[in-house]
Amino acid sequence: MEVQTDKSFHKQPTIFQGSKKITGAKSKGSTPRFVRNVGLGFKTPVAAKTGTYIDKKCPFAGDVSIRGRIIKGVCVSAKMTKSIIVRRDYVHYVTKYKRYEKKHKKIPCHVSPAFRVKEGDVVTMGECRPLSKTIRFNCLKVEAAGEGKINAKRQFRMF
């Protein structure tokens, strides 16, 4: 996983790190890690169980609960640290012309360090409490993009 570059000391708030060592006892060498199941049929990634990252906004190793909508979209920007922009395409019916028009929305989403997301990947995200000014969704699953030369930013894809 990634190395902590912050100057502050990070730890998981539910893990007590001041336990006294018993003389003569063999230690396993690994520190305990808080990991939970978010439910709703989503499996906890292996990187969240075995990783060393600390992310309080992670739904697997942090204190954020997933509630509300579960939606899918295509990642169009992964330039921010721990955040991506997801594009959702849909059709809207115009009653005056009795036709459909194509529309899209761009939704910012928090990504845990347990996932590696690139542009073009299909992301499943769940609604959570507001994590920042604009971010209200958290990444739950990533499906890698195909090998084809597809411009993910402009192509209309429905789920």
N, C-alpha and C. Protein backbone atom coordinates (compact mmCIF):
# COMPACT_ATOMS: atom_id res chain seq x y z
N MET A 1 0.83 -1.18 0.00
CA MET A 1 0.00 0.00 0.00
C MET A 1 0.87 1.25 0.00
N GLU A 2 0.25 2.37 0.11
CA GLU A 2 1.01 3.61 0.04
C GLU A 2 1.60 3.96 1.40
N VAL A 3 2.71 4.66 1.36
CA VAL A 3 3.40 5.05 2.57
C VAL A 3 2.80 6.35 3.07
N GLN A 4 2.64 6.46 4.38
CA GLN A 4 2.11 7.69 4.96
C GLN A 4 3.13 8.80 4.79
N THR A 5 2.73 9.90 4.17
CA THR A 5 3.64 11.02 3.96
C THR A 5 3.31 12.20 4.86
N ASP A 6 2.24 12.10 5.64
CA ASP A 6 1.88 13.19 6.54
C ASP A 6 2.82 13.22 7.73
N LYS A 7 2.95 14.41 8.33
CA LYS A 7 3.83 14.54 9.48
C LYS A 7 3.15 14.12 10.78
N SER A 8 1.85 14.01 10.77
CA SER A 8 1.13 13.62 11.98
C SER A 8 1.09 12.10 12.10
N PHE A 9 0.85 11.63 13.32
CA PHE A 9 0.77 10.20 13.58
C PHE A 9 -0.65 9.73 13.33
N HIS A 10 -0.81 8.74 12.46
CA HIS A 10 -2.13 8.21 12.14
C HIS A 10 -2.31 6.85 12.78
N LYS A 11 -3.50 6.63 13.31
CA LYS A 11 -3.84 5.33 13.88
C LYS A 11 -5.34 5.14 13.75
N GLN A 12 -5.75 3.88 13.82
CA GLN A 12 -7.18 3.59 13.82
C GLN A 12 -7.71 3.81 15.24
N PRO A 13 -8.79 4.58 15.38
CA PRO A 13 -9.24 4.94 16.74
C PRO A 13 -9.75 3.77 17.56
N THR A 14 -10.12 2.67 16.93
CA THR A 14 -10.67 1.53 17.68
C THR A 14 -9.59 0.54 18.14
N ILE A 15 -8.36 0.73 17.73
CA ILE A 15 -7.27 -0.19 18.09
C ILE A 15 -6.41 0.44 19.18
N PHE A 16 -6.25 -0.28 20.27
CA PHE A 16 -5.41 0.18 21.37
C PHE A 16 -3.97 -0.26 21.11
N GLN A 17 -3.05 0.71 21.06
CA GLN A 17 -1.68 0.40 20.71
C GLN A 17 -0.74 0.36 21.90
N GLY A 18 -1.25 0.61 23.10
CA GLY A 18 -0.39 0.66 24.28
C GLY A 18 -0.40 -0.61 25.10
N SER A 19 -0.68 -1.74 24.48
CA SER A 19 -0.73 -2.99 25.25
C SER A 19 0.67 -3.37 25.71
N LYS A 20 0.73 -3.92 26.91
CA LYS A 20 2.02 -4.32 27.46
C LYS A 20 2.38 -5.70 26.94
N LYS A 21 3.64 -5.87 26.62
CA LYS A 21 4.11 -7.17 26.12
C LYS A 21 4.39 -8.09 27.29
N ILE A 22 4.01 -9.33 27.14
CA ILE A 22 4.25 -10.33 28.17
C ILE A 22 5.59 -11.00 27.87
N THR A 23 6.43 -11.07 28.86
CA THR A 23 7.74 -11.67 28.65
C THR A 23 7.60 -13.17 28.42
N GLY A 24 8.35 -13.67 27.48
CA GLY A 24 8.33 -15.09 27.19
C GLY A 24 7.26 -15.48 26.18
N ALA A 25 6.35 -14.60 25.85
CA ALA A 25 5.28 -14.93 24.89
C ALA A 25 5.75 -14.59 23.48
N LYS A 26 5.34 -15.42 22.54
CA LYS A 26 5.72 -15.18 21.15
C LYS A 26 4.71 -14.24 20.50
N SER A 27 5.23 -13.21 19.83
CA SER A 27 4.33 -12.27 19.15
C SER A 27 4.21 -12.66 17.68
N LYS A 28 3.06 -12.40 17.12
CA LYS A 28 2.82 -12.75 15.73
C LYS A 28 3.49 -11.79 14.76
N GLY A 29 3.86 -10.61 15.25
CA GLY A 29 4.57 -9.66 14.40
C GLY A 29 3.65 -8.68 13.69
N SER A 30 2.38 -8.94 13.66
CA SER A 30 1.46 -8.02 12.99
C SER A 30 0.60 -7.32 14.02
N THR A 31 0.33 -6.06 13.75
CA THR A 31 -0.53 -5.30 14.64
C THR A 31 -1.99 -5.57 14.29
N PRO A 32 -2.88 -5.50 15.25
CA PRO A 32 -4.29 -5.72 14.93
C PRO A 32 -4.83 -4.62 14.04
N ARG A 33 -5.84 -4.95 13.25
CA ARG A 33 -6.41 -3.98 12.30
C ARG A 33 -7.93 -4.06 12.38
N PHE A 34 -8.57 -2.89 12.43
CA PHE A 34 -10.03 -2.82 12.44
C PHE A 34 -10.55 -2.85 11.01
N VAL A 35 -11.34 -3.87 10.69
CA VAL A 35 -11.96 -4.01 9.37
C VAL A 35 -13.39 -4.46 9.59
N ARG A 36 -14.32 -3.92 8.80
CA ARG A 36 -15.70 -4.35 8.95
C ARG A 36 -16.34 -4.62 7.61
N ASN A 37 -17.46 -5.31 7.65
CA ASN A 37 -18.21 -5.64 6.45
C ASN A 37 -19.28 -4.56 6.27
N VAL A 38 -19.34 -3.92 5.09
CA VAL A 38 -20.32 -2.86 4.87
C VAL A 38 -21.70 -3.42 4.61
N GLY A 39 -21.80 -4.72 4.33
CA GLY A 39 -23.09 -5.34 4.06
C GLY A 39 -23.53 -5.10 2.63
N LEU A 40 -24.81 -5.29 2.35
CA LEU A 40 -25.41 -5.05 1.04
C LEU A 40 -24.80 -5.92 -0.06
N GLY A 41 -24.15 -7.03 0.32
CA GLY A 41 -23.58 -7.95 -0.66
C GLY A 41 -22.21 -7.57 -1.18
N PHE A 42 -21.56 -6.57 -0.60
CA PHE A 42 -20.22 -6.16 -1.04
C PHE A 42 -19.17 -6.80 -0.15
N LYS A 43 -18.17 -7.42 -0.78
CA LYS A 43 -17.11 -8.08 -0.03
C LYS A 43 -16.03 -7.06 0.34
N THR A 44 -15.43 -7.27 1.50
CA THR A 44 -14.33 -6.42 1.93
C THR A 44 -13.09 -6.78 1.13
N PRO A 45 -12.43 -5.80 0.47
CA PRO A 45 -11.24 -6.12 -0.32
C PRO A 45 -10.09 -6.65 0.54
N VAL A 46 -9.26 -7.45 -0.06
CA VAL A 46 -8.11 -8.03 0.65
C VAL A 46 -7.15 -6.93 1.08
N ALA A 47 -7.02 -5.90 0.26
CA ALA A 47 -6.12 -4.79 0.60
C ALA A 47 -6.58 -4.06 1.86
N ALA A 48 -7.88 -4.07 2.13
CA ALA A 48 -8.38 -3.43 3.36
C ALA A 48 -8.07 -4.29 4.58
N LYS A 49 -8.06 -5.62 4.41
CA LYS A 49 -7.79 -6.52 5.53
C LYS A 49 -6.31 -6.58 5.87
N THR A 50 -5.46 -6.62 4.84
CA THR A 50 -4.04 -6.81 5.07
C THR A 50 -3.23 -5.54 4.93
N GLY A 51 -3.83 -4.46 4.48
CA GLY A 51 -3.10 -3.22 4.23
C GLY A 51 -2.71 -2.50 5.50
N THR A 52 -1.90 -1.48 5.33
CA THR A 52 -1.44 -0.68 6.46
C THR A 52 -1.93 0.76 6.38
N TYR A 53 -2.75 1.07 5.41
CA TYR A 53 -3.20 2.45 5.26
C TYR A 53 -4.18 2.83 6.38
N ILE A 54 -4.26 4.13 6.66
CA ILE A 54 -5.20 4.67 7.62
C ILE A 54 -6.06 5.68 6.88
N ASP A 55 -7.35 5.41 6.78
CA ASP A 55 -8.27 6.31 6.10
C ASP A 55 -9.58 6.32 6.87
N LYS A 56 -9.86 7.41 7.56
CA LYS A 56 -11.06 7.45 8.39
C LYS A 56 -12.34 7.55 7.57
N LYS A 57 -12.22 7.87 6.28
CA LYS A 57 -13.39 7.95 5.41
C LYS A 57 -13.62 6.67 4.61
N CYS A 58 -12.83 5.66 4.85
CA CYS A 58 -12.97 4.37 4.16
C CYS A 58 -14.15 3.60 4.75
N PRO A 59 -15.04 3.05 3.90
CA PRO A 59 -16.18 2.30 4.46
C PRO A 59 -15.78 0.96 5.06
N PHE A 60 -14.59 0.45 4.73
CA PHE A 60 -14.15 -0.85 5.22
C PHE A 60 -13.28 -0.74 6.47
N ALA A 61 -12.42 0.27 6.55
CA ALA A 61 -11.50 0.41 7.67
C ALA A 61 -11.69 1.72 8.43
N GLY A 62 -12.72 2.47 8.11
CA GLY A 62 -12.97 3.75 8.76
C GLY A 62 -14.30 3.75 9.50
N ASP A 63 -14.83 4.97 9.71
CA ASP A 63 -16.06 5.10 10.49
C ASP A 63 -17.21 5.66 9.66
N VAL A 64 -17.26 5.32 8.38
CA VAL A 64 -18.31 5.80 7.49
C VAL A 64 -19.27 4.65 7.19
N SER A 65 -20.56 4.89 7.35
CA SER A 65 -21.56 3.87 7.04
C SER A 65 -22.21 4.19 5.70
N ILE A 66 -22.53 3.14 4.96
CA ILE A 66 -23.17 3.28 3.66
C ILE A 66 -24.67 3.15 3.86
N ARG A 67 -25.42 4.16 3.43
CA ARG A 67 -26.87 4.11 3.50
C ARG A 67 -27.42 4.93 2.34
N GLY A 68 -28.58 4.57 1.87
CA GLY A 68 -29.18 5.31 0.76
C GLY A 68 -28.97 4.61 -0.57
N ARG A 69 -28.63 5.39 -1.58
CA ARG A 69 -28.55 4.89 -2.95
C ARG A 69 -27.25 4.16 -3.23
N ILE A 70 -27.32 3.12 -4.08
CA ILE A 70 -26.16 2.41 -4.61
C ILE A 70 -26.22 2.63 -6.12
N ILE A 71 -25.20 3.27 -6.69
CA ILE A 71 -25.23 3.61 -8.12
C ILE A 71 -23.93 3.21 -8.80
N LYS A 72 -23.99 3.10 -10.14
CA LYS A 72 -22.85 2.74 -10.96
C LYS A 72 -22.55 3.86 -11.94
N GLY A 73 -21.28 3.97 -12.31
CA GLY A 73 -20.88 4.97 -13.29
C GLY A 73 -19.48 4.70 -13.78
N VAL A 74 -19.02 5.56 -14.70
CA VAL A 74 -17.69 5.42 -15.29
C VAL A 74 -16.79 6.52 -14.74
N CYS A 75 -15.60 6.15 -14.31
CA CYS A 75 -14.64 7.13 -13.80
C CYS A 75 -14.10 7.95 -14.97
N VAL A 76 -14.22 9.27 -14.88
CA VAL A 76 -13.72 10.14 -15.94
C VAL A 76 -12.52 10.96 -15.49
N SER A 77 -12.28 11.04 -14.18
CA SER A 77 -11.12 11.77 -13.69
C SER A 77 -10.64 11.14 -12.39
N ALA A 78 -9.36 10.78 -12.35
CA ALA A 78 -8.76 10.21 -11.15
C ALA A 78 -7.52 11.01 -10.77
N LYS A 79 -7.58 12.32 -10.92
CA LYS A 79 -6.42 13.17 -10.69
C LYS A 79 -6.27 13.60 -9.24
N MET A 80 -7.34 13.52 -8.45
CA MET A 80 -7.28 13.94 -7.06
C MET A 80 -6.78 12.80 -6.19
N THR A 81 -6.27 13.12 -5.01
CA THR A 81 -5.85 12.08 -4.08
C THR A 81 -7.08 11.60 -3.32
N LYS A 82 -7.34 10.31 -3.37
CA LYS A 82 -8.45 9.65 -2.68
C LYS A 82 -9.83 10.11 -3.17
N SER A 83 -9.92 10.76 -4.32
CA SER A 83 -11.21 11.18 -4.86
C SER A 83 -11.22 11.02 -6.37
N ILE A 84 -12.40 10.70 -6.92
CA ILE A 84 -12.55 10.59 -8.37
C ILE A 84 -13.85 11.28 -8.78
N ILE A 85 -14.00 11.49 -10.08
CA ILE A 85 -15.23 12.01 -10.65
C ILE A 85 -15.85 10.89 -11.48
N VAL A 86 -17.12 10.58 -11.21
CA VAL A 86 -17.82 9.50 -11.90
C VAL A 86 -18.92 10.10 -12.75
N ARG A 87 -19.02 9.64 -14.00
CA ARG A 87 -20.06 10.12 -14.92
C ARG A 87 -21.17 9.09 -14.99
N ARG A 88 -22.42 9.55 -14.78
CA ARG A 88 -23.61 8.69 -14.89
C ARG A 88 -24.44 9.17 -16.06
N ASP A 89 -24.71 8.29 -17.01
CA ASP A 89 -25.51 8.61 -18.19
C ASP A 89 -26.93 8.09 -18.00
N TYR A 90 -27.90 8.86 -18.51
CA TYR A 90 -29.29 8.44 -18.44
C TYR A 90 -30.06 9.11 -19.57
N VAL A 91 -31.27 8.64 -19.83
CA VAL A 91 -32.13 9.25 -20.84
C VAL A 91 -33.30 9.93 -20.14
N HIS A 92 -33.70 11.08 -20.68
CA HIS A 92 -34.78 11.87 -20.11
C HIS A 92 -35.87 12.02 -21.17
N TYR A 93 -37.11 11.75 -20.80
CA TYR A 93 -38.22 11.82 -21.74
C TYR A 93 -38.76 13.25 -21.80
N VAL A 94 -38.87 13.80 -23.03
CA VAL A 94 -39.44 15.12 -23.26
C VAL A 94 -40.84 14.92 -23.82
N THR A 95 -41.85 15.30 -23.04
CA THR A 95 -43.24 15.02 -23.43
C THR A 95 -43.68 15.85 -24.63
N LYS A 96 -43.15 17.04 -24.78
CA LYS A 96 -43.56 17.91 -25.90
C LYS A 96 -43.22 17.26 -27.24
N TYR A 97 -42.05 16.67 -27.34
CA TYR A 97 -41.60 16.07 -28.60
C TYR A 97 -41.78 14.55 -28.62
N LYS A 98 -42.21 13.97 -27.50
CA LYS A 98 -42.41 12.52 -27.39
C LYS A 98 -41.14 11.74 -27.77
N ARG A 99 -40.03 12.23 -27.29
CA ARG A 99 -38.74 11.62 -27.57
C ARG A 99 -37.87 11.64 -26.31
N TYR A 100 -36.78 10.90 -26.39
CA TYR A 100 -35.83 10.87 -25.28
C TYR A 100 -34.60 11.69 -25.64
N GLU A 101 -34.01 12.29 -24.62
CA GLU A 101 -32.74 12.98 -24.82
C GLU A 101 -31.70 12.39 -23.89
N LYS A 102 -30.46 12.38 -24.33
CA LYS A 102 -29.38 11.85 -23.51
C LYS A 102 -28.89 12.93 -22.56
N LYS A 103 -28.70 12.56 -21.30
CA LYS A 103 -28.18 13.48 -20.29
C LYS A 103 -27.13 12.75 -19.45
N HIS A 104 -26.36 13.51 -18.73
CA HIS A 104 -25.39 12.91 -17.82
C HIS A 104 -25.17 13.81 -16.61
N LYS A 105 -24.68 13.20 -15.54
CA LYS A 105 -24.30 13.91 -14.33
C LYS A 105 -22.91 13.46 -13.93
N LYS A 106 -22.14 14.36 -13.35
CA LYS A 106 -20.82 14.03 -12.83
C LYS A 106 -20.89 14.09 -11.31
N ILE A 107 -20.50 12.98 -10.67
CA ILE A 107 -20.62 12.84 -9.22
C ILE A 107 -19.23 12.63 -8.63
N PRO A 108 -18.81 13.47 -7.69
CA PRO A 108 -17.54 13.20 -7.00
C PRO A 108 -17.70 12.07 -6.00
N CYS A 109 -16.65 11.27 -5.86
CA CYS A 109 -16.72 10.06 -5.03
C CYS A 109 -15.38 9.86 -4.32
N HIS A 110 -15.45 9.47 -3.04
CA HIS A 110 -14.24 9.16 -2.28
C HIS A 110 -13.79 7.73 -2.59
N VAL A 111 -12.48 7.55 -2.78
CA VAL A 111 -11.94 6.22 -3.06
C VAL A 111 -10.95 5.85 -1.96
N SER A 112 -11.18 4.70 -1.37
CA SER A 112 -10.28 4.19 -0.35
C SER A 112 -8.95 3.77 -0.99
N PRO A 113 -7.83 3.85 -0.25
CA PRO A 113 -6.57 3.36 -0.79
C PRO A 113 -6.56 1.87 -1.08
N ALA A 114 -7.59 1.14 -0.68
CA ALA A 114 -7.69 -0.29 -0.98
C ALA A 114 -7.95 -0.53 -2.47
N PHE A 115 -8.43 0.49 -3.19
CA PHE A 115 -8.74 0.36 -4.61
C PHE A 115 -7.74 1.14 -5.45
N ARG A 116 -7.50 0.64 -6.67
CA ARG A 116 -6.71 1.35 -7.67
C ARG A 116 -7.67 1.66 -8.82
N VAL A 117 -8.00 2.92 -9.01
CA VAL A 117 -8.98 3.32 -10.01
C VAL A 117 -8.29 4.12 -11.10
N LYS A 118 -8.60 3.77 -12.36
CA LYS A 118 -8.10 4.52 -13.51
C LYS A 118 -9.29 5.07 -14.29
N GLU A 119 -9.03 5.98 -15.18
CA GLU A 119 -10.09 6.51 -16.03
C GLU A 119 -10.65 5.41 -16.91
N GLY A 120 -11.96 5.35 -17.02
CA GLY A 120 -12.61 4.33 -17.82
C GLY A 120 -13.11 3.15 -17.02
N ASP A 121 -12.70 3.00 -15.76
CA ASP A 121 -13.16 1.91 -14.92
C ASP A 121 -14.62 2.13 -14.52
N VAL A 122 -15.37 1.04 -14.40
CA VAL A 122 -16.75 1.11 -13.94
C VAL A 122 -16.73 0.99 -12.41
N VAL A 123 -17.32 1.98 -11.75
CA VAL A 123 -17.27 2.08 -10.30
C VAL A 123 -18.67 1.95 -9.73
N THR A 124 -18.81 1.11 -8.69
CA THR A 124 -20.05 1.03 -7.92
C THR A 124 -19.82 1.81 -6.64
N MET A 125 -20.72 2.76 -6.35
CA MET A 125 -20.54 3.60 -5.18
C MET A 125 -21.82 3.67 -4.37
N GLY A 126 -21.66 3.89 -3.07
CA GLY A 126 -22.79 3.96 -2.16
C GLY A 126 -22.86 5.31 -1.48
N GLU A 127 -24.08 5.73 -1.19
CA GLU A 127 -24.28 7.02 -0.55
C GLU A 127 -23.90 6.94 0.92
N CYS A 128 -23.30 8.00 1.42
CA CYS A 128 -22.91 8.07 2.82
C CYS A 128 -23.12 9.50 3.31
N ARG A 129 -22.68 9.78 4.51
CA ARG A 129 -22.79 11.14 5.03
C ARG A 129 -21.88 12.06 4.22
N PRO A 130 -22.10 13.38 4.27
CA PRO A 130 -21.20 14.29 3.54
C PRO A 130 -19.77 14.18 4.07
N LEU A 131 -18.83 13.87 3.17
CA LEU A 131 -17.43 13.73 3.55
C LEU A 131 -16.66 15.03 3.34
N SER A 132 -17.14 15.88 2.45
CA SER A 132 -16.54 17.19 2.21
C SER A 132 -17.63 18.09 1.62
N LYS A 133 -17.23 19.20 1.03
CA LYS A 133 -18.22 20.13 0.48
C LYS A 133 -19.06 19.49 -0.62
N THR A 134 -18.44 18.66 -1.47
CA THR A 134 -19.16 18.09 -2.61
C THR A 134 -19.29 16.57 -2.56
N ILE A 135 -18.48 15.87 -1.79
CA ILE A 135 -18.45 14.41 -1.83
C ILE A 135 -19.47 13.82 -0.87
N ARG A 136 -20.42 13.03 -1.44
CA ARG A 136 -21.44 12.34 -0.66
C ARG A 136 -21.49 10.85 -0.97
N PHE A 137 -20.56 10.35 -1.79
CA PHE A 137 -20.55 8.95 -2.17
C PHE A 137 -19.19 8.35 -1.87
N ASN A 138 -19.18 7.03 -1.65
CA ASN A 138 -17.97 6.29 -1.32
C ASN A 138 -17.86 5.08 -2.24
N CYS A 139 -16.67 4.80 -2.75
CA CYS A 139 -16.46 3.70 -3.68
C CYS A 139 -16.56 2.36 -2.94
N LEU A 140 -17.33 1.42 -3.52
CA LEU A 140 -17.51 0.10 -2.92
C LEU A 140 -16.92 -1.02 -3.77
N LYS A 141 -16.87 -0.84 -5.09
CA LYS A 141 -16.38 -1.89 -5.99
C LYS A 141 -15.87 -1.24 -7.27
N VAL A 142 -14.80 -1.80 -7.83
CA VAL A 142 -14.21 -1.30 -9.07
C VAL A 142 -14.11 -2.44 -10.06
N GLU A 143 -14.64 -2.23 -11.26
CA GLU A 143 -14.51 -3.19 -12.36
C GLU A 143 -13.59 -2.57 -13.39
N ALA A 144 -12.50 -3.25 -13.70
CA ALA A 144 -11.49 -2.70 -14.60
C ALA A 144 -12.07 -2.49 -16.00
N ALA A 145 -11.57 -1.45 -16.67
CA ALA A 145 -12.02 -1.16 -18.03
C ALA A 145 -11.45 -2.18 -19.00
N GLY A 146 -12.12 -2.36 -20.12
CA GLY A 146 -11.65 -3.28 -21.14
C GLY A 146 -10.43 -2.73 -21.86
N GLU A 147 -9.86 -3.54 -22.72
CA GLU A 147 -8.66 -3.16 -23.45
C GLU A 147 -8.96 -2.27 -24.65
N GLY A 148 -10.23 -2.17 -25.04
CA GLY A 148 -10.60 -1.40 -26.24
C GLY A 148 -10.29 0.08 -26.10
N LYS A 149 -10.08 0.73 -27.24
CA LYS A 149 -9.77 2.16 -27.25
C LYS A 149 -11.10 2.94 -27.20
N ILE A 150 -11.61 3.14 -26.01
CA ILE A 150 -12.87 3.85 -25.83
C ILE A 150 -12.61 5.13 -25.06
N ASN A 151 -13.14 6.24 -25.57
CA ASN A 151 -13.01 7.50 -24.86
C ASN A 151 -14.07 7.53 -23.77
N ALA A 152 -13.68 7.27 -22.54
CA ALA A 152 -14.62 7.13 -21.44
C ALA A 152 -15.27 8.46 -21.07
N LYS A 153 -14.61 9.57 -21.38
CA LYS A 153 -15.14 10.84 -20.96
C LYS A 153 -16.36 11.27 -21.77
N ARG A 154 -16.46 10.85 -23.02
CA ARG A 154 -17.51 11.36 -23.88
C ARG A 154 -18.52 10.31 -24.32
N GLN A 155 -18.23 9.05 -24.16
CA GLN A 155 -19.14 8.03 -24.66
C GLN A 155 -20.33 7.84 -23.72
N PHE A 156 -21.48 7.63 -24.30
CA PHE A 156 -22.72 7.43 -23.55
C PHE A 156 -22.86 5.96 -23.20
N ARG A 157 -22.82 5.62 -21.91
CA ARG A 157 -22.95 4.24 -21.45
C ARG A 157 -23.96 4.19 -20.32
N MET A 158 -24.99 3.36 -20.51
CA MET A 158 -26.00 3.21 -19.45
C MET A 158 -25.77 1.91 -18.69
N PHE A 159 -26.23 1.86 -17.44
CA PHE A 159 -26.07 0.67 -16.61
C PHE A 159 -27.41 0.17 -16.16
